[in-house]
Amino acid sequence: MPYHPDADGTLSEQELYEFADLLALRLYHDLGRRCYLLSRQDIIELIHPYTAHLDRRDRRALSWLVWNLLQEGAEIEHEIDQA
């Protein structure tokens, strides 16, 4: 993903969301449904190689965004399993 920092050195909101989508997909690809059990701290550690070059604020935002995406994925899969 191209990195285009804003004037303050952070990613745009759109870039944050796109990057979070990619990171969540990567975790799901690597871990399958086990990724739904990850804590936010686990996510911080697992995405660090991909985010180490980013501003601290972006790393923090990405960890929350990825965690939220995985929680939503868990809810969706649970609903599908219940149907």
C-alpha atoms as a PDB file:
ATOM      1  CA  MET A   1       0.000   0.000   0.000  1.00  0.00           C
ATOM      2  CA  PRO A   2       1.428   3.387  -0.926  1.00  0.00           C
ATOM      3  CA  TYR A   3       2.168   5.580   2.056  1.00  0.00           C
ATOM      4  CA  HIS A   4       1.021   9.194   1.687  1.00  0.00           C
ATOM      5  CA  PRO A   5       1.271  10.883   5.074  1.00  0.00           C
ATOM      6  CA  ASP A   6      -0.805  13.976   5.782  1.00  0.00           C
ATOM      7  CA  ALA A   7       0.886  17.227   6.741  1.00  0.00           C
ATOM      8  CA  ASP A   8       1.151  15.965  10.333  1.00  0.00           C
ATOM      9  CA  GLY A   9       2.881  12.734   9.234  1.00  0.00           C
ATOM     10  CA  THR A  10      -0.137  10.450   9.657  1.00  0.00           C
ATOM     11  CA  LEU A  11      -2.176   8.431   7.185  1.00  0.00           C
ATOM     12  CA  SER A  12      -5.464   9.726   5.856  1.00  0.00           C
ATOM     13  CA  GLU A  13      -8.653   8.222   7.250  1.00  0.00           C
ATOM     14  CA  GLN A  14      -9.222   6.306   4.009  1.00  0.00           C
ATOM     15  CA  GLU A  15      -5.683   4.895   4.085  1.00  0.00           C
ATOM     16  CA  LEU A  16      -6.147   3.828   7.700  1.00  0.00           C
ATOM     17  CA  TYR A  17      -9.355   1.949   6.854  1.00  0.00           C
ATOM     18  CA  GLU A  18      -7.833   0.326   3.767  1.00  0.00           C
ATOM     19  CA  PHE A  19      -4.712  -0.712   5.670  1.00  0.00           C
ATOM     20  CA  ALA A  20      -6.827  -2.083   8.543  1.00  0.00           C
ATOM     21  CA  ASP A  21      -8.846  -4.156   6.053  1.00  0.00           C
ATOM     22  CA  LEU A  22      -5.663  -5.612   4.601  1.00  0.00           C
ATOM     23  CA  LEU A  23      -4.200  -6.375   8.018  1.00  0.00           C
ATOM     24  CA  ALA A  24      -7.421  -8.033   9.232  1.00  0.00           C
ATOM     25  CA  LEU A  25      -7.555 -10.162   6.084  1.00  0.00           C
ATOM     26  CA  ARG A  26      -3.924 -11.134   6.594  1.00  0.00           C
ATOM     27  CA  LEU A  27      -4.583 -12.226  10.172  1.00  0.00           C
ATOM     28  CA  TYR A  28      -7.657 -14.197   9.106  1.00  0.00           C
ATOM     29  CA  HIS A  29      -5.690 -15.825   6.291  1.00  0.00           C
ATOM     30  CA  ASP A  30      -2.878 -16.804   8.654  1.00  0.00           C
ATOM     31  CA  LEU A  31      -4.929 -17.799  11.710  1.00  0.00           C
ATOM     32  CA  GLY A  32      -8.429 -18.574  10.479  1.00  0.00           C
ATOM     33  CA  ARG A  33     -11.146 -18.307  13.098  1.00  0.00           C
ATOM     34  CA  ARG A  34      -8.521 -18.262  15.847  1.00  0.00           C
ATOM     35  CA  CYS A  35      -7.923 -14.604  14.970  1.00  0.00           C
ATOM     36  CA  TYR A  36     -11.250 -13.803  16.661  1.00  0.00           C
ATOM     37  CA  LEU A  37      -9.719 -14.728  20.014  1.00  0.00           C
ATOM     38  CA  LEU A  38      -6.853 -12.250  19.730  1.00  0.00           C
ATOM     39  CA  SER A  39      -6.589  -9.463  22.254  1.00  0.00           C
ATOM     40  CA  ARG A  40      -5.751  -5.987  21.088  1.00  0.00           C
ATOM     41  CA  GLN A  41      -2.250  -6.465  22.494  1.00  0.00           C
ATOM     42  CA  ASP A  42      -1.872  -9.634  20.401  1.00  0.00           C
ATOM     43  CA  ILE A  43      -2.916  -7.649  17.339  1.00  0.00           C
ATOM     44  CA  ILE A  44      -0.432  -4.886  18.126  1.00  0.00           C
ATOM     45  CA  GLU A  45       2.361  -7.459  18.231  1.00  0.00           C
ATOM     46  CA  LEU A  46       1.243  -9.331  15.109  1.00  0.00           C
ATOM     47  CA  ILE A  47       0.843  -6.248  12.920  1.00  0.00           C
ATOM     48  CA  HIS A  48       4.005  -4.542  14.179  1.00  0.00           C
ATOM     49  CA  PRO A  49       6.173  -5.735  11.258  1.00  0.00           C
ATOM     50  CA  TYR A  50       3.728  -4.044   8.881  1.00  0.00           C
ATOM     51  CA  THR A  51       3.253  -0.873  10.906  1.00  0.00           C
ATOM     52  CA  ALA A  52       6.613  -0.177  12.536  1.00  0.00           C
ATOM     53  CA  HIS A  53       7.354   2.611  10.037  1.00  0.00           C
ATOM     54  CA  LEU A  54       4.111   4.449  10.835  1.00  0.00           C
ATOM     55  CA  ASP A  55       3.434   7.245  13.270  1.00  0.00           C
ATOM     56  CA  ARG A  56       2.473   6.093  16.793  1.00  0.00           C
ATOM     57  CA  ARG A  57      -1.037   7.514  16.341  1.00  0.00           C
ATOM     58  CA  ASP A  58      -1.562   5.461  13.187  1.00  0.00           C
ATOM     59  CA  ARG A  59      -0.291   2.282  14.853  1.00  0.00           C
ATOM     60  CA  ARG A  60      -2.714   2.807  17.722  1.00  0.00           C
ATOM     61  CA  ALA A  61      -5.631   3.512  15.387  1.00  0.00           C
ATOM     62  CA  LEU A  62      -4.828   0.483  13.256  1.00  0.00           C
ATOM     63  CA  SER A  63      -4.746  -1.860  16.234  1.00  0.00           C
ATOM     64  CA  TRP A  64      -8.244  -0.692  17.244  1.00  0.00           C
ATOM     65  CA  LEU A  65      -9.589  -0.824  13.696  1.00  0.00           C
ATOM     66  CA  VAL A  66      -8.234  -4.336  13.098  1.00  0.00           C
ATOM     67  CA  TRP A  67      -9.544  -5.549  16.457  1.00  0.00           C
ATOM     68  CA  ASN A  68     -12.988  -4.102  15.671  1.00  0.00           C
ATOM     69  CA  LEU A  69     -13.036  -5.702  12.221  1.00  0.00           C
ATOM     70  CA  LEU A  70     -12.187  -9.085  13.699  1.00  0.00           C
ATOM     71  CA  GLN A  71     -14.893  -8.728  16.338  1.00  0.00           C
ATOM     72  CA  GLU A  72     -17.428  -7.902  13.631  1.00  0.00           C
ATOM     73  CA  GLY A  73     -16.227 -10.905  11.628  1.00  0.00           C
ATOM     74  CA  ALA A  74     -16.688 -13.142  14.664  1.00  0.00           C
ATOM     75  CA  GLU A  75     -20.249 -11.886  15.118  1.00  0.00           C
ATOM     76  CA  ILE A  76     -21.080 -12.449  11.452  1.00  0.00           C
ATOM     77  CA  GLU A  77     -19.637 -15.971  11.431  1.00  0.00           C
ATOM     78  CA  HIS A  78     -21.498 -16.761  14.660  1.00  0.00           C
ATOM     79  CA  GLU A  79     -24.779 -15.609  13.077  1.00  0.00           C
ATOM     80  CA  ILE A  80     -24.069 -17.700   9.972  1.00  0.00           C
ATOM     81  CA  ASP A  81     -23.304 -20.746  12.129  1.00  0.00           C
ATOM     82  CA  GLN A  82     -26.583 -20.276  14.013  1.00  0.00           C
ATOM     83  CA  ALA A  83     -28.668 -20.130  10.815  1.00  0.00           C
END
